[in-house]
Amino acid sequence: MRGHQLREILSDIRDAISGSGGAKQAEAIDRIQSALADLDHCPANDVVNRVDAAVASVTQPAWEAKLAQLQSAGLDEVEFLKRLDEIVTDKSIKKADLLQIAQAYVGYADKKASASKLADAIKTRFYGKIYDRDADEMAKRATPW
């Protein structure tokens, strides 16, 4: 089965789902279809791999996707602060999601903490990582007496 055939089948499924009131599910199918846009002449294995990746991105909880983005910033301060600001200002990320992100990034988080306290804990952990990196670099350059 080629990509265009799969997109046609998904289009029929999306139409049936949206006709029955499943707007969120129809949107997820649209995202999968867009991931298959350039697979018309690809081998079946490539199509299957792209479908797997698209389904994983659709079914992944929002907090996991945001955590992955936060972690992908590494120790780049500008990128990290940009990603953290996106998380804090994103209305779809609730306090429970932010708690999950904080627990995963920091290692622990107070369940009773406010959203701003959780964001501060994430930021503190980031700067702790930078401090550790810089301390390690300084220790490598130190000359023993």
N, C-alpha and C. Protein backbone atom coordinates (compact mmCIF):
# COMPACT_ATOMS: atom_id res chain seq x y z
N MET A 1 0.86 -1.18 0.00
CA MET A 1 0.00 0.00 0.00
C MET A 1 0.90 1.23 0.00
N ARG A 2 0.62 2.14 -0.87
CA ARG A 2 1.38 3.37 -0.99
C ARG A 2 0.78 4.46 -0.12
N GLY A 3 1.53 5.54 0.03
CA GLY A 3 1.11 6.64 0.87
C GLY A 3 -0.20 7.26 0.43
N HIS A 4 -0.40 7.42 -0.89
CA HIS A 4 -1.64 8.05 -1.35
C HIS A 4 -2.85 7.18 -1.06
N GLN A 5 -2.70 5.87 -1.15
CA GLN A 5 -3.81 4.98 -0.84
C GLN A 5 -4.15 5.05 0.65
N LEU A 6 -3.13 5.09 1.47
CA LEU A 6 -3.35 5.18 2.91
C LEU A 6 -4.00 6.51 3.27
N ARG A 7 -3.57 7.60 2.62
CA ARG A 7 -4.20 8.90 2.88
C ARG A 7 -5.67 8.90 2.47
N GLU A 8 -6.00 8.23 1.38
CA GLU A 8 -7.40 8.15 0.95
C GLU A 8 -8.24 7.39 1.99
N ILE A 9 -7.71 6.29 2.49
CA ILE A 9 -8.42 5.51 3.50
C ILE A 9 -8.59 6.35 4.77
N LEU A 10 -7.52 7.02 5.18
CA LEU A 10 -7.60 7.87 6.36
C LEU A 10 -8.59 9.01 6.16
N SER A 11 -8.68 9.52 4.96
CA SER A 11 -9.63 10.59 4.66
C SER A 11 -11.06 10.10 4.85
N ASP A 12 -11.34 8.89 4.39
CA ASP A 12 -12.68 8.32 4.58
C ASP A 12 -12.97 8.11 6.07
N ILE A 13 -11.99 7.64 6.80
CA ILE A 13 -12.17 7.43 8.24
C ILE A 13 -12.39 8.77 8.94
N ARG A 14 -11.59 9.78 8.57
CA ARG A 14 -11.72 11.11 9.17
C ARG A 14 -13.11 11.68 8.91
N ASP A 15 -13.61 11.52 7.69
CA ASP A 15 -14.95 12.03 7.36
C ASP A 15 -16.02 11.35 8.21
N ALA A 16 -15.88 10.05 8.40
CA ALA A 16 -16.86 9.32 9.20
C ALA A 16 -16.78 9.76 10.67
N ILE A 17 -15.58 9.94 11.17
CA ILE A 17 -15.42 10.34 12.57
C ILE A 17 -15.92 11.76 12.80
N SER A 18 -15.54 12.68 11.91
CA SER A 18 -15.97 14.07 12.10
C SER A 18 -17.48 14.20 11.91
N GLY A 19 -18.06 13.36 11.09
CA GLY A 19 -19.51 13.37 10.91
C GLY A 19 -20.25 12.92 12.15
N SER A 20 -19.58 12.15 13.00
CA SER A 20 -20.21 11.68 14.23
C SER A 20 -19.80 12.51 15.44
N GLY A 21 -19.13 13.64 15.21
CA GLY A 21 -18.80 14.56 16.29
C GLY A 21 -17.45 14.37 16.92
N GLY A 22 -16.58 13.61 16.31
CA GLY A 22 -15.24 13.38 16.88
C GLY A 22 -14.22 14.35 16.31
N ALA A 23 -14.36 15.62 16.64
CA ALA A 23 -13.49 16.66 16.07
C ALA A 23 -12.02 16.45 16.46
N LYS A 24 -11.77 16.09 17.70
CA LYS A 24 -10.39 15.91 18.15
C LYS A 24 -9.74 14.71 17.44
N GLN A 25 -10.49 13.65 17.28
CA GLN A 25 -9.97 12.48 16.59
C GLN A 25 -9.74 12.77 15.11
N ALA A 26 -10.64 13.56 14.51
CA ALA A 26 -10.48 13.94 13.11
C ALA A 26 -9.23 14.79 12.94
N GLU A 27 -8.96 15.67 13.90
CA GLU A 27 -7.76 16.50 13.85
C GLU A 27 -6.50 15.63 13.93
N ALA A 28 -6.55 14.62 14.77
CA ALA A 28 -5.40 13.70 14.89
C ALA A 28 -5.16 12.97 13.57
N ILE A 29 -6.21 12.56 12.91
CA ILE A 29 -6.06 11.88 11.62
C ILE A 29 -5.51 12.86 10.58
N ASP A 30 -5.92 14.11 10.62
CA ASP A 30 -5.38 15.12 9.72
C ASP A 30 -3.87 15.26 9.90
N ARG A 31 -3.41 15.24 11.15
CA ARG A 31 -1.98 15.34 11.42
C ARG A 31 -1.23 14.13 10.88
N ILE A 32 -1.84 12.97 10.99
CA ILE A 32 -1.21 11.76 10.45
C ILE A 32 -1.15 11.86 8.93
N GLN A 33 -2.23 12.32 8.31
CA GLN A 33 -2.25 12.47 6.85
C GLN A 33 -1.18 13.44 6.37
N SER A 34 -1.00 14.54 7.09
CA SER A 34 0.01 15.51 6.67
C SER A 34 1.42 14.92 6.77
N ALA A 35 1.62 14.01 7.70
CA ALA A 35 2.92 13.34 7.82
C ALA A 35 3.17 12.40 6.65
N LEU A 36 2.11 11.99 5.97
CA LEU A 36 2.24 11.06 4.85
C LEU A 36 2.24 11.76 3.50
N ALA A 37 2.26 13.08 3.48
CA ALA A 37 2.09 13.84 2.25
C ALA A 37 3.13 13.50 1.17
N ASP A 38 4.36 13.25 1.54
CA ASP A 38 5.41 13.03 0.53
C ASP A 38 5.80 11.57 0.37
N LEU A 39 4.93 10.66 0.71
CA LEU A 39 5.27 9.24 0.66
C LEU A 39 4.60 8.49 -0.49
N ASP A 40 4.18 9.18 -1.51
CA ASP A 40 3.45 8.51 -2.60
C ASP A 40 4.28 7.45 -3.32
N HIS A 41 5.57 7.63 -3.42
CA HIS A 41 6.39 6.69 -4.17
C HIS A 41 7.49 6.08 -3.32
N CYS A 42 7.20 5.94 -2.05
CA CYS A 42 8.19 5.37 -1.12
C CYS A 42 7.89 3.89 -0.89
N PRO A 43 8.91 3.15 -0.48
CA PRO A 43 8.69 1.74 -0.14
C PRO A 43 7.75 1.62 1.07
N ALA A 44 7.13 0.48 1.18
CA ALA A 44 6.15 0.26 2.24
C ALA A 44 6.76 0.45 3.63
N ASN A 45 8.02 0.05 3.81
CA ASN A 45 8.66 0.21 5.12
C ASN A 45 8.75 1.67 5.54
N ASP A 46 9.05 2.56 4.58
CA ASP A 46 9.11 3.98 4.90
C ASP A 46 7.74 4.51 5.30
N VAL A 47 6.71 4.05 4.62
CA VAL A 47 5.35 4.47 4.94
C VAL A 47 4.99 4.02 6.35
N VAL A 48 5.30 2.78 6.67
CA VAL A 48 4.98 2.23 7.99
C VAL A 48 5.74 3.00 9.08
N ASN A 49 7.01 3.28 8.84
CA ASN A 49 7.80 4.03 9.84
C ASN A 49 7.25 5.43 10.05
N ARG A 50 6.84 6.09 8.99
CA ARG A 50 6.28 7.44 9.13
C ARG A 50 4.93 7.41 9.84
N VAL A 51 4.12 6.38 9.54
CA VAL A 51 2.83 6.25 10.23
C VAL A 51 3.06 6.02 11.71
N ASP A 52 4.01 5.15 12.05
CA ASP A 52 4.31 4.89 13.47
C ASP A 52 4.74 6.17 14.18
N ALA A 53 5.60 6.95 13.55
CA ALA A 53 6.08 8.19 14.16
C ALA A 53 4.93 9.20 14.31
N ALA A 54 4.08 9.29 13.29
CA ALA A 54 2.96 10.24 13.35
C ALA A 54 1.96 9.84 14.42
N VAL A 55 1.67 8.55 14.54
CA VAL A 55 0.74 8.08 15.57
C VAL A 55 1.33 8.32 16.95
N ALA A 56 2.62 8.08 17.10
CA ALA A 56 3.26 8.31 18.40
C ALA A 56 3.18 9.78 18.79
N SER A 57 3.36 10.68 17.83
CA SER A 57 3.30 12.11 18.16
C SER A 57 1.88 12.53 18.50
N VAL A 58 0.90 11.89 17.92
CA VAL A 58 -0.50 12.23 18.21
C VAL A 58 -0.94 11.68 19.55
N THR A 59 -0.48 10.48 19.88
CA THR A 59 -0.93 9.83 21.10
C THR A 59 -0.09 10.20 22.32
N GLN A 60 1.04 10.86 22.11
CA GLN A 60 1.89 11.25 23.23
C GLN A 60 1.21 12.35 24.04
N PRO A 61 1.18 12.21 25.35
CA PRO A 61 0.60 13.28 26.17
C PRO A 61 1.32 14.60 25.92
N ALA A 62 0.60 15.70 26.05
CA ALA A 62 1.15 17.02 25.77
C ALA A 62 2.36 17.31 26.65
N TRP A 63 2.29 16.89 27.92
CA TRP A 63 3.40 17.20 28.82
C TRP A 63 4.67 16.48 28.41
N GLU A 64 4.57 15.28 27.84
CA GLU A 64 5.75 14.55 27.39
C GLU A 64 6.40 15.25 26.20
N ALA A 65 5.56 15.75 25.30
CA ALA A 65 6.09 16.49 24.15
C ALA A 65 6.79 17.76 24.61
N LYS A 66 6.20 18.46 25.55
CA LYS A 66 6.81 19.70 26.06
C LYS A 66 8.10 19.39 26.82
N LEU A 67 8.12 18.30 27.58
CA LEU A 67 9.33 17.89 28.29
C LEU A 67 10.45 17.58 27.29
N ALA A 68 10.11 16.88 26.22
CA ALA A 68 11.11 16.55 25.20
C ALA A 68 11.68 17.82 24.58
N GLN A 69 10.82 18.80 24.33
CA GLN A 69 11.29 20.07 23.78
C GLN A 69 12.21 20.78 24.77
N LEU A 70 11.84 20.75 26.03
CA LEU A 70 12.64 21.39 27.07
C LEU A 70 14.01 20.72 27.18
N GLN A 71 14.02 19.41 27.14
CA GLN A 71 15.28 18.68 27.25
C GLN A 71 16.13 18.84 26.01
N SER A 72 15.50 19.02 24.86
CA SER A 72 16.27 19.19 23.62
C SER A 72 17.03 20.51 23.60
N ALA A 73 16.64 21.45 24.46
CA ALA A 73 17.37 22.72 24.54
C ALA A 73 18.74 22.52 25.15
N GLY A 74 18.94 21.42 25.83
CA GLY A 74 20.24 21.14 26.44
C GLY A 74 20.61 22.21 27.46
N LEU A 75 21.81 22.75 27.34
CA LEU A 75 22.26 23.79 28.25
C LEU A 75 22.32 25.16 27.57
N ASP A 76 21.60 25.30 26.47
CA ASP A 76 21.48 26.58 25.77
C ASP A 76 20.44 27.42 26.51
N GLU A 77 20.91 28.44 27.22
CA GLU A 77 20.04 29.22 28.10
C GLU A 77 18.92 29.91 27.34
N VAL A 78 19.23 30.53 26.22
CA VAL A 78 18.21 31.25 25.45
C VAL A 78 17.12 30.29 24.98
N GLU A 79 17.53 29.16 24.44
CA GLU A 79 16.57 28.17 23.95
C GLU A 79 15.75 27.59 25.10
N PHE A 80 16.42 27.30 26.22
CA PHE A 80 15.72 26.75 27.38
C PHE A 80 14.66 27.72 27.88
N LEU A 81 15.03 28.98 28.05
CA LEU A 81 14.07 29.97 28.55
C LEU A 81 12.90 30.17 27.59
N LYS A 82 13.19 30.08 26.31
CA LYS A 82 12.12 30.19 25.30
C LYS A 82 11.16 29.02 25.44
N ARG A 83 11.71 27.82 25.56
CA ARG A 83 10.86 26.62 25.70
C ARG A 83 10.07 26.64 27.01
N LEU A 84 10.70 27.07 28.09
CA LEU A 84 10.01 27.14 29.37
C LEU A 84 8.88 28.16 29.32
N ASP A 85 9.14 29.29 28.68
CA ASP A 85 8.10 30.31 28.53
C ASP A 85 6.93 29.78 27.71
N GLU A 86 7.22 29.00 26.67
CA GLU A 86 6.15 28.39 25.87
C GLU A 86 5.30 27.46 26.73
N ILE A 87 5.95 26.71 27.60
CA ILE A 87 5.23 25.79 28.48
C ILE A 87 4.33 26.56 29.45
N VAL A 88 4.89 27.59 30.06
CA VAL A 88 4.15 28.36 31.07
C VAL A 88 2.97 29.11 30.45
N THR A 89 3.15 29.62 29.23
CA THR A 89 2.08 30.41 28.61
C THR A 89 1.09 29.57 27.80
N ASP A 90 1.40 28.30 27.58
CA ASP A 90 0.51 27.43 26.82
C ASP A 90 -0.72 27.09 27.67
N LYS A 91 -1.88 27.50 27.21
CA LYS A 91 -3.12 27.28 27.96
C LYS A 91 -3.53 25.81 28.00
N SER A 92 -3.01 25.01 27.06
CA SER A 92 -3.38 23.59 27.07
C SER A 92 -2.60 22.81 28.13
N ILE A 93 -1.51 23.39 28.64
CA ILE A 93 -0.72 22.75 29.69
C ILE A 93 -1.29 23.17 31.04
N LYS A 94 -1.89 22.24 31.70
CA LYS A 94 -2.49 22.49 33.02
C LYS A 94 -1.45 22.29 34.12
N LYS A 95 -1.83 22.62 35.35
CA LYS A 95 -0.90 22.48 36.48
C LYS A 95 -0.46 21.03 36.65
N ALA A 96 -1.35 20.10 36.43
CA ALA A 96 -0.99 18.68 36.56
C ALA A 96 0.07 18.30 35.52
N ASP A 97 -0.03 18.86 34.32
CA ASP A 97 0.97 18.61 33.29
C ASP A 97 2.31 19.23 33.68
N LEU A 98 2.25 20.46 34.21
CA LEU A 98 3.47 21.14 34.65
C LEU A 98 4.12 20.37 35.80
N LEU A 99 3.31 19.78 36.66
CA LEU A 99 3.83 18.96 37.75
C LEU A 99 4.58 17.74 37.18
N GLN A 100 4.00 17.11 36.17
CA GLN A 100 4.66 15.96 35.52
C GLN A 100 5.99 16.38 34.90
N ILE A 101 6.00 17.54 34.23
CA ILE A 101 7.22 18.04 33.61
C ILE A 101 8.27 18.31 34.68
N ALA A 102 7.86 18.97 35.76
CA ALA A 102 8.80 19.29 36.84
C ALA A 102 9.35 18.01 37.48
N GLN A 103 8.50 17.03 37.71
CA GLN A 103 8.97 15.79 38.32
C GLN A 103 9.98 15.10 37.41
N ALA A 104 9.73 15.13 36.10
CA ALA A 104 10.65 14.47 35.18
C ALA A 104 11.95 15.25 35.01
N TYR A 105 11.87 16.57 34.96
CA TYR A 105 13.06 17.39 34.71
C TYR A 105 13.90 17.59 35.97
N VAL A 106 13.22 17.86 37.07
CA VAL A 106 13.93 18.15 38.32
C VAL A 106 14.24 16.86 39.09
N GLY A 107 13.35 15.90 39.00
CA GLY A 107 13.53 14.66 39.75
C GLY A 107 12.51 14.54 40.87
N TYR A 108 11.95 15.65 41.25
CA TYR A 108 10.92 15.68 42.29
C TYR A 108 10.16 16.99 42.12
N ALA A 109 8.99 17.05 42.71
CA ALA A 109 8.22 18.29 42.70
C ALA A 109 7.15 18.20 43.78
N ASP A 110 6.90 19.33 44.42
CA ASP A 110 5.88 19.41 45.45
C ASP A 110 4.51 19.47 44.79
N LYS A 111 3.66 18.52 45.09
CA LYS A 111 2.33 18.47 44.48
C LYS A 111 1.48 19.67 44.84
N LYS A 112 1.79 20.30 45.95
CA LYS A 112 1.00 21.45 46.40
C LYS A 112 1.55 22.78 45.89
N ALA A 113 2.67 22.74 45.18
CA ALA A 113 3.29 23.97 44.69
C ALA A 113 2.45 24.60 43.58
N SER A 114 2.52 25.91 43.50
CA SER A 114 1.80 26.62 42.43
C SER A 114 2.53 26.40 41.11
N ALA A 115 1.87 26.78 40.03
CA ALA A 115 2.47 26.63 38.70
C ALA A 115 3.75 27.46 38.59
N SER A 116 3.74 28.66 39.16
CA SER A 116 4.94 29.49 39.09
C SER A 116 6.09 28.90 39.90
N LYS A 117 5.78 28.27 41.03
CA LYS A 117 6.82 27.62 41.84
C LYS A 117 7.40 26.41 41.10
N LEU A 118 6.54 25.68 40.39
CA LEU A 118 7.02 24.55 39.61
C LEU A 118 7.94 25.03 38.49
N ALA A 119 7.55 26.11 37.82
CA ALA A 119 8.39 26.67 36.76
C ALA A 119 9.72 27.16 37.33
N ASP A 120 9.69 27.75 38.52
CA ASP A 120 10.92 28.19 39.18
C ASP A 120 11.82 27.00 39.52
N ALA A 121 11.21 25.89 39.94
CA ALA A 121 12.01 24.70 40.26
C ALA A 121 12.69 24.15 39.00
N ILE A 122 11.98 24.19 37.89
CA ILE A 122 12.57 23.73 36.62
C ILE A 122 13.73 24.64 36.24
N LYS A 123 13.53 25.94 36.37
CA LYS A 123 14.57 26.91 36.02
C LYS A 123 15.78 26.75 36.95
N THR A 124 15.53 26.54 38.24
CA THR A 124 16.62 26.34 39.20
C THR A 124 17.44 25.10 38.85
N ARG A 125 16.76 24.04 38.46
CA ARG A 125 17.46 22.81 38.06
C ARG A 125 18.32 23.05 36.83
N PHE A 126 17.79 23.82 35.88
CA PHE A 126 18.55 24.13 34.67
C PHE A 126 19.84 24.87 35.02
N TYR A 127 19.71 25.90 35.87
CA TYR A 127 20.91 26.65 36.25
C TYR A 127 21.86 25.80 37.10
N GLY A 128 21.32 24.85 37.84
CA GLY A 128 22.17 23.90 38.56
C GLY A 128 22.98 23.05 37.59
N LYS A 129 22.37 22.65 36.48
CA LYS A 129 23.09 21.88 35.46
C LYS A 129 24.21 22.72 34.85
N ILE A 130 23.93 23.99 34.60
CA ILE A 130 24.96 24.87 34.04
C ILE A 130 26.11 25.03 35.04
N TYR A 131 25.78 25.22 36.31
CA TYR A 131 26.80 25.35 37.35
C TYR A 131 27.67 24.09 37.41
N ASP A 132 27.02 22.92 37.37
CA ASP A 132 27.77 21.67 37.40
C ASP A 132 28.71 21.56 36.21
N ARG A 133 28.22 21.93 35.02
CA ARG A 133 29.05 21.88 33.82
C ARG A 133 30.26 22.81 33.97
N ASP A 134 30.01 24.03 34.41
CA ASP A 134 31.10 25.00 34.55
C ASP A 134 32.08 24.59 35.63
N ALA A 135 31.58 24.03 36.72
CA ALA A 135 32.47 23.57 37.80
C ALA A 135 33.35 22.44 37.31
N ASP A 136 32.79 21.54 36.52
CA ASP A 136 33.58 20.44 35.97
C ASP A 136 34.67 20.96 35.05
N GLU A 137 34.33 21.94 34.22
CA GLU A 137 35.33 22.52 33.30
C GLU A 137 36.43 23.23 34.08
N MET A 138 36.07 23.93 35.14
CA MET A 138 37.07 24.61 35.95
C MET A 138 37.97 23.60 36.66
N ALA A 139 37.40 22.52 37.13
CA ALA A 139 38.19 21.50 37.81
C ALA A 139 39.18 20.86 36.85
N LYS A 140 38.81 20.69 35.59
CA LYS A 140 39.72 20.11 34.61
C LYS A 140 40.89 21.03 34.32
N ARG A 141 40.66 22.34 34.42
CA ARG A 141 41.73 23.31 34.13
C ARG A 141 42.61 23.59 35.34
N ALA A 142 42.16 23.21 36.51
CA ALA A 142 42.91 23.51 37.73
C ALA A 142 44.24 22.76 37.73
N THR A 143 45.24 23.42 38.23
CA THR A 143 46.55 22.79 38.35
C THR A 143 46.79 22.44 39.81
N PRO A 144 47.15 21.22 40.09
CA PRO A 144 47.39 20.85 41.49
C PRO A 144 48.66 21.52 42.01
N TRP A 145 48.69 21.83 43.27
CA TRP A 145 49.85 22.50 43.88
C TRP A 145 50.91 21.54 44.13
